[in-house]
C-alpha atoms as a PDB file:
ATOM      1  CA  MET A   1       0.367  15.752 -19.274  1.00  0.00           C
ATOM      2  CA  ASP A   2      -0.884  18.422 -21.352  1.00  0.00           C
ATOM      3  CA  ALA A   3      -3.218  21.184 -19.271  1.00  0.00           C
ATOM      4  CA  ALA A   4      -6.218  19.804 -18.985  1.00  0.00           C
ATOM      5  CA  ALA A   5      -5.233  16.962 -17.975  1.00  0.00           C
ATOM      6  CA  ARG A   6      -2.708  17.802 -14.871  1.00  0.00           C
ATOM      7  CA  GLU A   7      -5.662  20.388 -13.642  1.00  0.00           C
ATOM      8  CA  GLU A   8      -8.130  16.887 -13.771  1.00  0.00           C
ATOM      9  CA  PHE A   9      -5.406  15.171 -12.483  1.00  0.00           C
ATOM     10  CA  ALA A  10      -5.074  17.792  -9.779  1.00  0.00           C
ATOM     11  CA  GLY A  11      -8.368  17.609  -8.972  1.00  0.00           C
ATOM     12  CA  TRP A  12      -8.883  14.031  -8.326  1.00  0.00           C
ATOM     13  CA  ALA A  13      -5.577  14.351  -5.938  1.00  0.00           C
ATOM     14  CA  ALA A  14      -7.168  16.748  -4.291  1.00  0.00           C
ATOM     15  CA  ALA A  15     -10.391  14.483  -3.213  1.00  0.00           C
ATOM     16  CA  LEU A  16      -7.884  11.771  -2.146  1.00  0.00           C
ATOM     17  CA  GLY A  17      -6.611  14.375   0.530  1.00  0.00           C
ATOM     18  CA  ALA A  18      -2.914  14.670  -1.521  1.00  0.00           C
ATOM     19  CA  PRO A  19      -3.627  18.030  -2.826  1.00  0.00           C
ATOM     20  CA  LEU A  20      -0.799  19.136  -5.132  1.00  0.00           C
ATOM     21  CA  SER A  21       1.656  21.801  -6.215  1.00  0.00           C
ATOM     22  CA  PRO A  22       2.659  22.918 -10.055  1.00  0.00           C
ATOM     23  CA  ALA A  23       5.960  21.463  -9.173  1.00  0.00           C
ATOM     24  CA  GLN A  24       4.866  18.286  -8.345  1.00  0.00           C
ATOM     25  CA  LEU A  25       2.486  17.868 -11.073  1.00  0.00           C
ATOM     26  CA  ALA A  26       5.265  18.211 -13.579  1.00  0.00           C
ATOM     27  CA  GLN A  27       6.829  15.795 -12.023  1.00  0.00           C
ATOM     28  CA  PHE A  28       3.855  13.612 -11.900  1.00  0.00           C
ATOM     29  CA  ALA A  29       4.123  14.599 -15.889  1.00  0.00           C
ATOM     30  CA  ALA A  30       7.643  13.463 -16.293  1.00  0.00           C
ATOM     31  CA  TYR A  31       7.011  10.635 -14.395  1.00  0.00           C
ATOM     32  CA  GLU A  32       4.579   9.300 -16.450  1.00  0.00           C
ATOM     33  CA  ALA A  33       6.445  10.465 -19.509  1.00  0.00           C
ATOM     34  CA  LEU A  34       9.587   8.429 -18.237  1.00  0.00           C
ATOM     35  CA  LEU A  35       7.225   4.852 -17.839  1.00  0.00           C
ATOM     36  CA  LEU A  36       5.119   5.136 -20.947  1.00  0.00           C
ATOM     37  CA  ALA A  37       8.787   4.955 -22.438  1.00  0.00           C
ATOM     38  CA  TRP A  38       9.997   2.375 -20.497  1.00  0.00           C
ATOM     39  CA  ASN A  39       6.954   0.464 -20.839  1.00  0.00           C
ATOM     40  CA  GLU A  40       8.083  -0.222 -24.451  1.00  0.00           C
ATOM     41  CA  ARG A  41      11.362  -1.829 -23.629  1.00  0.00           C
ATOM     42  CA  ILE A  42      11.071  -3.674 -20.480  1.00  0.00           C
ATOM     43  CA  ALA A  43       7.987  -4.689 -18.886  1.00  0.00           C
ATOM     44  CA  LEU A  44       6.550  -2.093 -16.331  1.00  0.00           C
ATOM     45  CA  THR A  45       2.445  -1.977 -16.528  1.00  0.00           C
ATOM     46  CA  SER A  46      -0.097  -3.740 -19.001  1.00  0.00           C
ATOM     47  CA  ILE A  47      -1.477  -0.717 -18.525  1.00  0.00           C
ATOM     48  CA  ARG A  48      -0.759   1.633 -21.576  1.00  0.00           C
ATOM     49  CA  GLU A  49      -2.920   4.367 -21.674  1.00  0.00           C
ATOM     50  CA  PRO A  50      -2.418   7.890 -19.845  1.00  0.00           C
ATOM     51  CA  ARG A  51      -5.125   8.773 -17.877  1.00  0.00           C
ATOM     52  CA  GLN A  52      -6.189   4.830 -16.890  1.00  0.00           C
ATOM     53  CA  LEU A  53      -2.301   5.049 -15.767  1.00  0.00           C
ATOM     54  CA  ARG A  54      -3.076   8.282 -14.057  1.00  0.00           C
ATOM     55  CA  ILE A  55      -6.170   6.517 -12.117  1.00  0.00           C
ATOM     56  CA  ARG A  56      -5.316   3.083 -11.617  1.00  0.00           C
ATOM     57  CA  HIS A  57      -1.268   2.967 -10.489  1.00  0.00           C
ATOM     58  CA  PHE A  58      -0.200   7.699  -9.804  1.00  0.00           C
ATOM     59  CA  LEU A  59      -3.726   7.380  -7.378  1.00  0.00           C
ATOM     60  CA  ASP A  60      -3.963   4.055  -6.818  1.00  0.00           C
ATOM     61  CA  ALA A  61      -0.344   5.087  -4.422  1.00  0.00           C
ATOM     62  CA  LEU A  62      -1.312   8.737  -3.050  1.00  0.00           C
ATOM     63  CA  SER A  63      -4.436   6.888  -1.721  1.00  0.00           C
ATOM     64  CA  CYS A  64      -1.767   5.082   1.060  1.00  0.00           C
ATOM     65  CA  ALA A  65      -2.178   8.974   2.378  1.00  0.00           C
ATOM     66  CA  ALA A  66      -5.045   7.920   3.778  1.00  0.00           C
ATOM     67  CA  ALA A  67      -3.207   4.449   5.674  1.00  0.00           C
ATOM     68  CA  THR A  68       0.013   7.001   6.333  1.00  0.00           C
ATOM     69  CA  GLY A  69      -0.964  10.204   6.973  1.00  0.00           C
ATOM     70  CA  PRO A  70       1.771  12.478   6.791  1.00  0.00           C
ATOM     71  CA  LEU A  71       5.509  10.483   5.427  1.00  0.00           C
ATOM     72  CA  ASP A  72       7.461  13.707   5.793  1.00  0.00           C
ATOM     73  CA  GLY A  73      11.165  12.315   7.444  1.00  0.00           C
ATOM     74  CA  ARG A  74      10.327   9.414   7.903  1.00  0.00           C
ATOM     75  CA  ARG A  75      11.699   6.063   6.188  1.00  0.00           C
ATOM     76  CA  LEU A  76      10.096   3.134   4.333  1.00  0.00           C
ATOM     77  CA  ILE A  77      10.904   0.958   1.864  1.00  0.00           C
ATOM     78  CA  ASP A  78       8.932  -0.322  -0.619  1.00  0.00           C
ATOM     79  CA  VAL A  79       8.804  -3.796  -1.376  1.00  0.00           C
ATOM     80  CA  GLY A  80       9.028  -5.183  -4.699  1.00  0.00           C
ATOM     81  CA  SER A  81       7.963  -1.322  -5.788  1.00  0.00           C
ATOM     82  CA  GLY A  82       8.408  -2.349  -9.917  1.00  0.00           C
ATOM     83  CA  ALA A  83       7.212   0.702 -11.733  1.00  0.00           C
ATOM     84  CA  GLY A  84       8.490   2.446  -7.970  1.00  0.00           C
ATOM     85  CA  LEU A  85       4.797   2.072  -6.786  1.00  0.00           C
ATOM     86  CA  PRO A  86       3.780   3.498  -4.623  1.00  0.00           C
ATOM     87  CA  GLY A  87       6.853   4.447  -3.018  1.00  0.00           C
ATOM     88  CA  LEU A  88       7.298   7.490  -5.720  1.00  0.00           C
ATOM     89  CA  PRO A  89       4.324   9.402  -5.574  1.00  0.00           C
ATOM     90  CA  LEU A  90       3.843   9.274  -2.212  1.00  0.00           C
ATOM     91  CA  LYS A  91       7.824  10.095  -2.359  1.00  0.00           C
ATOM     92  CA  ILE A  92       6.423  13.229  -4.487  1.00  0.00           C
ATOM     93  CA  LEU A  93       3.895  13.992  -1.988  1.00  0.00           C
ATOM     94  CA  TYR A  94       5.669  14.272   0.980  1.00  0.00           C
ATOM     95  CA  PRO A  95       9.207  15.721  -0.299  1.00  0.00           C
ATOM     96  CA  ASP A  96      11.367  15.101   2.600  1.00  0.00           C
ATOM     97  CA  LEU A  97      10.462  11.499   2.888  1.00  0.00           C
ATOM     98  CA  ARG A  98      12.962   8.743   3.702  1.00  0.00           C
ATOM     99  CA  LEU A  99      12.249   6.490   0.422  1.00  0.00           C
ATOM    100  CA  THR A 100      13.350   2.769   0.033  1.00  0.00           C
ATOM    101  CA  LEU A 101      12.921   0.873  -3.207  1.00  0.00           C
ATOM    102  CA  VAL A 102      13.686  -3.128  -3.555  1.00  0.00           C
ATOM    103  CA  ASP A 103      13.554  -4.730  -6.826  1.00  0.00           C
ATOM    104  CA  SER A 104      15.006  -7.738  -7.350  1.00  0.00           C
ATOM    105  CA  VAL A 105      14.809  -6.674 -11.289  1.00  0.00           C
ATOM    106  CA  ALA A 106      17.967  -5.761 -12.017  1.00  0.00           C
ATOM    107  CA  LYS A 107      16.237  -3.916 -15.072  1.00  0.00           C
ATOM    108  CA  LYS A 108      13.559  -2.043 -12.702  1.00  0.00           C
ATOM    109  CA  ALA A 109      15.963  -0.860 -10.791  1.00  0.00           C
ATOM    110  CA  ARG A 110      17.943   1.280 -13.031  1.00  0.00           C
ATOM    111  CA  PHE A 111      14.134   2.783 -13.773  1.00  0.00           C
ATOM    112  CA  LEU A 112      13.872   4.185 -10.486  1.00  0.00           C
ATOM    113  CA  GLU A 113      17.309   4.984 -10.593  1.00  0.00           C
ATOM    114  CA  LEU A 114      16.681   6.871 -13.661  1.00  0.00           C
ATOM    115  CA  VAL A 115      13.463   8.655 -12.010  1.00  0.00           C
ATOM    116  CA  ALA A 116      14.963   9.523  -9.235  1.00  0.00           C
ATOM    117  CA  ALA A 117      17.313  11.341 -11.023  1.00  0.00           C
ATOM    118  CA  GLU A 118      15.512  13.159 -13.676  1.00  0.00           C
ATOM    119  CA  LEU A 119      12.634  14.119 -11.298  1.00  0.00           C
ATOM    120  CA  GLY A 120      15.320  16.124  -8.915  1.00  0.00           C
ATOM    121  CA  LEU A 121      14.022  13.736  -5.817  1.00  0.00           C
ATOM    122  CA  SER A 122      16.755  13.640  -2.665  1.00  0.00           C
ATOM    123  CA  ASP A 123      16.985  10.529  -0.138  1.00  0.00           C
ATOM    124  CA  VAL A 124      15.980   7.621  -2.655  1.00  0.00           C
ATOM    125  CA  THR A 125      18.122   4.684  -2.668  1.00  0.00           C
ATOM    126  CA  VAL A 126      17.068   1.748  -4.645  1.00  0.00           C
ATOM    127  CA  ILE A 127      18.162  -1.743  -4.163  1.00  0.00           C
ATOM    128  CA  ALA A 128      18.166  -4.513  -6.754  1.00  0.00           C
ATOM    129  CA  ASP A 129      18.246  -7.476  -4.165  1.00  0.00           C
ATOM    130  CA  ARG A 130      15.584  -9.697  -2.690  1.00  0.00           C
ATOM    131  CA  ALA A 131      12.971  -8.826   0.751  1.00  0.00           C
ATOM    132  CA  GLU A 132      14.063 -12.321   2.050  1.00  0.00           C
ATOM    133  CA  VAL A 133      17.782 -11.105   2.600  1.00  0.00           C
ATOM    134  CA  LEU A 134      17.289  -7.388   2.743  1.00  0.00           C
ATOM    135  CA  GLY A 135      14.928  -8.666   6.137  1.00  0.00           C
ATOM    136  CA  GLN A 136      17.788 -10.031   7.543  1.00  0.00           C
ATOM    137  CA  ASP A 137      20.633  -6.750   6.993  1.00  0.00           C
ATOM    138  CA  ALA A 138      21.477  -4.932  10.004  1.00  0.00           C
ATOM    139  CA  ALA A 139      20.996  -1.877   7.725  1.00  0.00           C
ATOM    140  CA  HIS A 140      17.582  -2.555   6.631  1.00  0.00           C
ATOM    141  CA  ARG A 141      16.137  -5.567   9.697  1.00  0.00           C
ATOM    142  CA  GLU A 142      13.133  -3.436  12.329  1.00  0.00           C
ATOM    143  CA  GLY A 143      14.771  -0.390  10.405  1.00  0.00           C
ATOM    144  CA  TYR A 144      11.463   1.297   9.280  1.00  0.00           C
ATOM    145  CA  ASP A 145       8.555   3.462   9.632  1.00  0.00           C
ATOM    146  CA  TRP A 146       6.860   2.163   7.225  1.00  0.00           C
ATOM    147  CA  ALA A 147       7.395  -0.674   4.661  1.00  0.00           C
ATOM    148  CA  THR A 148       5.285  -0.995   1.721  1.00  0.00           C
ATOM    149  CA  ALA A 149       4.165  -3.704  -1.021  1.00  0.00           C
ATOM    150  CA  ARG A 150       1.201  -3.547  -4.150  1.00  0.00           C
ATOM    151  CA  ALA A 151       0.409  -6.283  -5.685  1.00  0.00           C
ATOM    152  CA  VAL A 152       3.572  -8.712  -4.686  1.00  0.00           C
ATOM    153  CA  ALA A 153       1.881 -12.172  -3.285  1.00  0.00           C
ATOM    154  CA  GLU A 154      -0.683 -13.088  -1.569  1.00  0.00           C
ATOM    155  CA  LEU A 155      -0.629 -11.614   2.548  1.00  0.00           C
ATOM    156  CA  ARG A 156       0.610 -14.384   4.295  1.00  0.00           C
ATOM    157  CA  VAL A 157       3.763 -13.802   1.977  1.00  0.00           C
ATOM    158  CA  LEU A 158       3.464 -10.677   2.131  1.00  0.00           C
ATOM    159  CA  VAL A 159       3.814 -10.451   5.951  1.00  0.00           C
ATOM    160  CA  GLU A 160       6.796 -12.379   5.959  1.00  0.00           C
ATOM    161  CA  LEU A 161       8.346  -9.960   3.735  1.00  0.00           C
ATOM    162  CA  LEU A 162       7.183  -6.574   5.130  1.00  0.00           C
ATOM    163  CA  LEU A 163       7.097  -7.372   8.946  1.00  0.00           C
ATOM    164  CA  PRO A 164      10.771  -8.078   9.140  1.00  0.00           C
ATOM    165  CA  LEU A 165      11.301  -4.912   8.005  1.00  0.00           C
ATOM    166  CA  VAL A 166      10.097  -2.505  10.123  1.00  0.00           C
ATOM    167  CA  ARG A 167      10.408  -1.206  13.556  1.00  0.00           C
ATOM    168  CA  VAL A 168       8.514  -2.702  16.587  1.00  0.00           C
ATOM    169  CA  GLY A 169       6.240   0.959  16.617  1.00  0.00           C
ATOM    170  CA  GLY A 170       5.599   1.045  12.436  1.00  0.00           C
ATOM    171  CA  ARG A 171       3.818  -0.716   9.964  1.00  0.00           C
ATOM    172  CA  ALA A 172       3.320  -2.187   6.913  1.00  0.00           C
ATOM    173  CA  LEU A 173       0.818  -1.437   4.125  1.00  0.00           C
ATOM    174  CA  ALA A 174      -0.238  -3.791   1.591  1.00  0.00           C
ATOM    175  CA  GLN A 175      -2.661  -2.510  -0.853  1.00  0.00           C
ATOM    176  CA  LYS A 176      -5.389  -5.381  -1.759  1.00  0.00           C
ATOM    177  CA  GLY A 177      -8.924  -5.818  -4.141  1.00  0.00           C
ATOM    178  CA  ASP A 178     -11.998  -7.618  -2.926  1.00  0.00           C
ATOM    179  CA  SER A 179     -10.155 -10.591  -1.058  1.00  0.00           C
ATOM    180  CA  ALA A 180      -7.984  -8.075   1.454  1.00  0.00           C
ATOM    181  CA  ALA A 181     -10.550  -9.231   4.587  1.00  0.00           C
ATOM    182  CA  GLU A 182      -9.867 -13.682   3.525  1.00  0.00           C
ATOM    183  CA  GLU A 183      -6.481 -12.674   3.018  1.00  0.00           C
ATOM    184  CA  LEU A 184      -6.458 -10.967   6.338  1.00  0.00           C
ATOM    185  CA  THR A 185      -8.114 -13.548   8.089  1.00  0.00           C
ATOM    186  CA  ALA A 186      -5.761 -16.587   6.500  1.00  0.00           C
ATOM    187  CA  ALA A 187      -2.544 -14.303   7.084  1.00  0.00           C
ATOM    188  CA  ALA A 188      -3.744 -13.961  11.578  1.00  0.00           C
ATOM    189  CA  PRO A 189      -1.305 -16.389  12.558  1.00  0.00           C
ATOM    190  CA  ALA A 190       2.014 -15.437  10.322  1.00  0.00           C
ATOM    191  CA  ILE A 191       0.880 -11.683  11.795  1.00  0.00           C
ATOM    192  CA  ALA A 192       1.330 -13.085  15.389  1.00  0.00           C
ATOM    193  CA  ALA A 193       4.414 -14.766  14.386  1.00  0.00           C
ATOM    194  CA  LEU A 194       5.927 -12.346  12.892  1.00  0.00           C
ATOM    195  CA  GLY A 195       6.023  -9.837  15.390  1.00  0.00           C
ATOM    196  CA  GLY A 196       2.232  -8.329  14.067  1.00  0.00           C
ATOM    197  CA  GLY A 197      -0.707  -6.742  16.466  1.00  0.00           C
ATOM    198  CA  ALA A 198      -3.641  -4.772  15.541  1.00  0.00           C
ATOM    199  CA  SER A 199      -5.128  -4.530  11.472  1.00  0.00           C
ATOM    200  CA  GLN A 200      -7.080  -1.988  10.588  1.00  0.00           C
ATOM    201  CA  LEU A 201      -8.526  -2.412   6.309  1.00  0.00           C
ATOM    202  CA  ILE A 202      -9.944   1.420   4.417  1.00  0.00           C
ATOM    203  CA  PRO A 203     -11.954   1.000   2.036  1.00  0.00           C
ATOM    204  CA  VAL A 204     -10.467   3.484  -1.283  1.00  0.00           C
ATOM    205  CA  ARG A 205     -12.783   4.519  -4.439  1.00  0.00           C
ATOM    206  CA  LEU A 206     -10.938   5.696  -7.114  1.00  0.00           C
ATOM    207  CA  PRO A 207     -12.451   7.850 -10.235  1.00  0.00           C
ATOM    208  CA  GLU A 208     -14.164   5.660 -13.375  1.00  0.00           C
ATOM    209  CA  THR A 209     -13.804   2.882 -11.508  1.00  0.00           C
ATOM    210  CA  GLU A 210     -15.875   0.483 -10.429  1.00  0.00           C
ATOM    211  CA  ALA A 211     -14.212  -1.943  -7.305  1.00  0.00           C
ATOM    212  CA  THR A 212     -12.765  -0.811  -4.358  1.00  0.00           C
ATOM    213  CA  HIS A 213      -9.375  -1.322  -3.462  1.00  0.00           C
ATOM    214  CA  THR A 214      -8.205  -1.836   0.062  1.00  0.00           C
ATOM    215  CA  LEU A 215      -5.616  -0.845   1.945  1.00  0.00           C
ATOM    216  CA  ILE A 216      -4.298  -2.979   5.000  1.00  0.00           C
ATOM    217  CA  THR A 217      -1.933  -1.744   8.128  1.00  0.00           C
ATOM    218  CA  ILE A 218      -0.404  -3.747  10.482  1.00  0.00           C
ATOM    219  CA  ASP A 219       1.033  -2.897  14.017  1.00  0.00           C
ATOM    220  CA  LYS A 220       4.342  -3.896  14.290  1.00  0.00           C
ATOM    221  CA  ALA A 221       3.778  -4.868  18.235  1.00  0.00           C
ATOM    222  CA  ALA A 222       6.853  -7.179  18.635  1.00  0.00           C
ATOM    223  CA  ALA A 223      10.775  -7.392  17.948  1.00  0.00           C
ATOM    224  CA  THR A 224      10.774 -10.025  14.728  1.00  0.00           C
ATOM    225  CA  ASP A 225      11.795 -13.656  15.731  1.00  0.00           C
ATOM    226  CA  PRO A 226      15.250 -14.058  14.411  1.00  0.00           C
ATOM    227  CA  ARG A 227      14.408 -17.347  12.201  1.00  0.00           C
ATOM    228  CA  TYR A 228      12.282 -14.617   9.708  1.00  0.00           C
ATOM    229  CA  PRO A 229      12.223 -14.281   6.774  1.00  0.00           C
ATOM    230  CA  ARG A 230      12.811 -17.740   5.524  1.00  0.00           C
ATOM    231  CA  ARG A 231      15.572 -17.766   3.161  1.00  0.00           C
ATOM    232  CA  VAL A 232      14.821 -17.075  -0.608  1.00  0.00           C
ATOM    233  CA  GLY A 233      11.417 -18.414  -2.386  1.00  0.00           C
ATOM    234  CA  VAL A 234      10.159 -20.023   0.867  1.00  0.00           C
ATOM    235  CA  PRO A 235       7.955 -18.148   2.236  1.00  0.00           C
ATOM    236  CA  ALA A 236       6.234 -18.269  -0.945  1.00  0.00           C
ATOM    237  CA  LYS A 237       6.696 -21.547  -1.148  1.00  0.00           C
ATOM    238  CA  ARG A 238       5.721 -22.740   2.219  1.00  0.00           C
ATOM    239  CA  PRO A 239       3.339 -19.767   3.235  1.00  0.00           C
ATOM    240  CA  LEU A 240       3.149 -19.292   7.699  1.00  0.00           C
END
């Protein structure tokens, strides 16, 4: 990312309410280089053009700050993190965020560990496992202020993976596209069964894109029934 690209990216981020320092821009530049290099070996993203990667991945992740507000000192778990989105950009934006990245693919988990180390990010935990397993693990169950996911599954499935990880009073956040309102309506019974409460839809427009992205936040109103999440694979096969 050359100086002109950094200036452009900084302007975009500031317009989203996520101003970046020169040191943070340098971290994004290093992240971009690692992502493009590793993408030649393992499938991290279908986007290979650097400028589009900045818009559709980095800025898209930073847009989550519109829903979360400042995250310094908070605990956030990013489920199905893949290339580290939205977790790693949020960690760069909020250096004191206590971040856990989860991906069931070991190669992707190794990539996430490398990025955290290369960027000098502290208090980042990477776990190669399934969310269904962590949701029944006392070390993680209802232990987070935020649980996030991007392009992992439809919302009826996603809430069973996210809400068991969120403490009462915390929130789940899902990044969705045009189907957000429809998915939220369909997921209402699942949200209620899992201890979820009020929800919110926040539209996001990224530069040079026509589609409106939507952040869905769901409050954790009550403890999740111990039956949930169900065993690995069941939420996707039989959504609540």
